[in-house]
Protein backbone atom coordinates (compact mmCIF):
# COMPACT_ATOMS: atom_id res chain seq x y z
CA MET A 1 150.44 110.27 154.42
CA ARG A 2 151.00 109.43 150.79
CA ARG A 3 148.53 107.46 148.70
CA ALA A 4 149.92 104.52 146.76
CA PHE A 5 148.38 101.87 144.59
CA LEU A 6 149.57 98.37 145.31
CA VAL A 7 149.10 95.08 143.59
CA ALA A 8 149.14 92.00 145.77
CA SER A 9 150.91 89.95 143.18
CA ILE A 10 150.18 86.31 142.59
CA SER A 11 152.64 85.97 139.74
CA LEU A 12 155.12 88.09 137.81
CA LEU A 13 156.59 87.66 134.32
CA MET A 14 159.66 89.76 133.56
CA SER A 15 161.17 89.98 130.12
CA THR A 16 163.82 91.70 128.11
CA SER A 17 164.59 91.06 124.48
CA ALA A 18 167.02 88.34 125.57
CA TRP A 19 165.04 86.38 128.19
CA ALA A 20 161.84 85.96 130.14
CA GLU A 21 161.46 84.64 133.66
CA THR A 22 158.33 83.79 135.65
CA PHE A 23 157.93 84.00 139.42
CA GLY A 24 154.99 82.75 141.46
CA VAL A 25 152.08 80.69 140.13
CA ALA A 26 151.07 80.35 136.49
CA MET A 27 149.38 83.40 135.02
CA PRO A 28 146.03 83.21 133.24
CA GLU A 29 145.84 83.75 129.48
CA GLY A 30 144.82 87.09 128.04
CA PRO A 31 146.12 90.61 127.62
CA ALA A 32 147.59 92.79 130.36
CA MET A 33 146.44 96.34 131.05
CA PRO A 34 149.19 98.98 131.14
CA VAL A 35 149.70 100.47 134.61
CA ALA A 36 148.72 103.95 133.39
CA ASP A 37 145.36 102.72 132.08
CA ALA A 38 144.65 100.79 135.28
CA LEU A 39 145.36 103.83 137.45
CA ALA A 40 143.30 106.13 135.22
CA GLN A 41 140.32 103.83 135.81
CA ALA A 42 141.29 102.68 139.32
CA ASP A 43 137.75 102.61 140.70
CA ALA A 44 136.66 100.19 137.97
CA HIS A 45 139.63 97.86 138.48
CA THR A 46 140.15 97.94 142.26
CA GLY A 47 139.53 94.61 143.91
CA HIS A 48 139.53 92.55 140.71
CA ALA A 49 142.31 90.06 139.91
CA MET A 50 143.77 91.17 136.58
CA LYS A 51 146.97 91.30 134.55
CA PHE A 52 148.90 94.58 134.54
CA SER A 53 152.05 95.56 132.63
CA GLY A 54 154.79 98.14 132.88
CA ARG A 55 158.50 98.84 133.00
CA ILE A 56 160.38 97.95 136.17
CA THR A 57 161.82 101.14 137.67
CA GLN A 58 162.77 99.95 141.17
CA VAL A 59 163.17 96.70 143.08
CA CYS A 60 163.33 96.18 146.85
CA GLN A 61 167.04 96.08 147.59
CA LYS A 62 166.61 94.22 150.87
CA LYS A 63 164.89 91.02 149.67
CA GLY A 64 163.30 91.63 146.26
CA CYS A 65 159.80 91.53 147.78
CA TRP A 66 158.39 94.41 145.68
CA VAL A 67 158.90 96.17 142.36
CA MET A 68 157.73 99.48 141.00
CA LEU A 69 156.08 99.31 137.57
CA GLU A 70 155.70 102.38 135.37
CA ALA A 71 153.86 103.16 132.14
CA ASN A 72 153.37 106.62 130.63
CA GLY A 73 154.52 108.38 133.80
CA GLN A 74 152.17 106.44 136.11
CA ALA A 75 153.60 103.97 138.61
CA LEU A 76 152.46 101.44 141.17
CA ARG A 77 154.18 99.17 143.67
CA VAL A 78 153.80 95.42 143.19
CA LYS A 79 154.20 93.46 146.41
CA THR A 80 154.96 89.75 146.29
CA GLN A 81 153.65 89.19 149.84
CA HIS A 82 156.94 87.28 150.33
CA ALA A 83 155.55 84.38 148.25
CA PHE A 84 158.62 84.76 146.00
CA PHE A 85 161.49 87.21 145.57
CA VAL A 86 162.49 89.14 142.45
CA PRO A 87 166.19 89.57 141.60
CA LYS A 88 167.38 92.89 143.01
CA ASP A 89 168.87 93.84 139.63
CA ALA A 90 165.69 93.08 137.63
CA THR A 91 165.03 95.43 134.72
CA GLY A 92 162.85 95.49 131.63
CA THR A 93 159.14 95.03 131.29
CA ALA A 94 156.96 92.94 133.56
CA THR A 95 153.46 91.56 133.55
CA VAL A 96 151.85 90.89 136.90
CA PHE A 97 148.65 89.17 137.89
CA GLY A 98 147.01 90.33 141.06
CA GLU A 99 144.54 92.66 142.70
CA LEU A 100 144.74 96.44 142.49
CA LYS A 101 144.31 98.14 145.88
CA ALA A 102 144.56 101.74 147.06
CA VAL A 103 146.54 101.98 150.29
CA GLU A 104 147.37 104.96 152.48
CA LEU A 105 151.04 104.82 153.45
CA SER A 106 152.01 106.07 156.86
CA GLU A 107 155.20 108.09 157.17
CA GLU A 108 156.77 105.00 158.76
CA GLN A 109 155.83 102.82 155.76
CA ALA A 110 157.06 105.44 153.29
CA THR A 111 160.38 105.61 155.16
CA HIS A 112 160.61 101.81 155.18
CA PHE A 113 160.07 101.59 151.40
CA ALA A 114 162.61 104.38 150.83
CA LYS A 115 165.24 102.42 152.77
CA GLU A 116 164.46 99.24 150.83
CA ASP A 117 164.94 100.92 147.46
CA GLY A 118 168.42 102.01 148.46
CA GLY A 119 167.41 105.57 149.28
CA VAL A 120 167.72 107.29 152.58
CA ALA A 121 164.75 108.44 154.56
């Protein structure tokens, strides 16, 4: 089993230099913590609703129900819990608001995510 960090996202703000788009509910004010910093201090941030930021590296190609965010070589999967769907071609930086959780992925879950990102299991 592989260990993955997941954010149960309440809202997501994606932006490029040309546009910004918000999905989900309104996000609270305040700064966002880069994904790498959050993961380096995961124990301190797990279970707390916070804002996180990173570069979108992958999007679920089936429905757009998750994105992978990366910062300084550290990545986490942001799940929308099907509350909203992100465009499958989304790129750029994103800020998410949600709760950091550590989750053990079964081989079946890992295979499922691989299929959704356009890869083959």
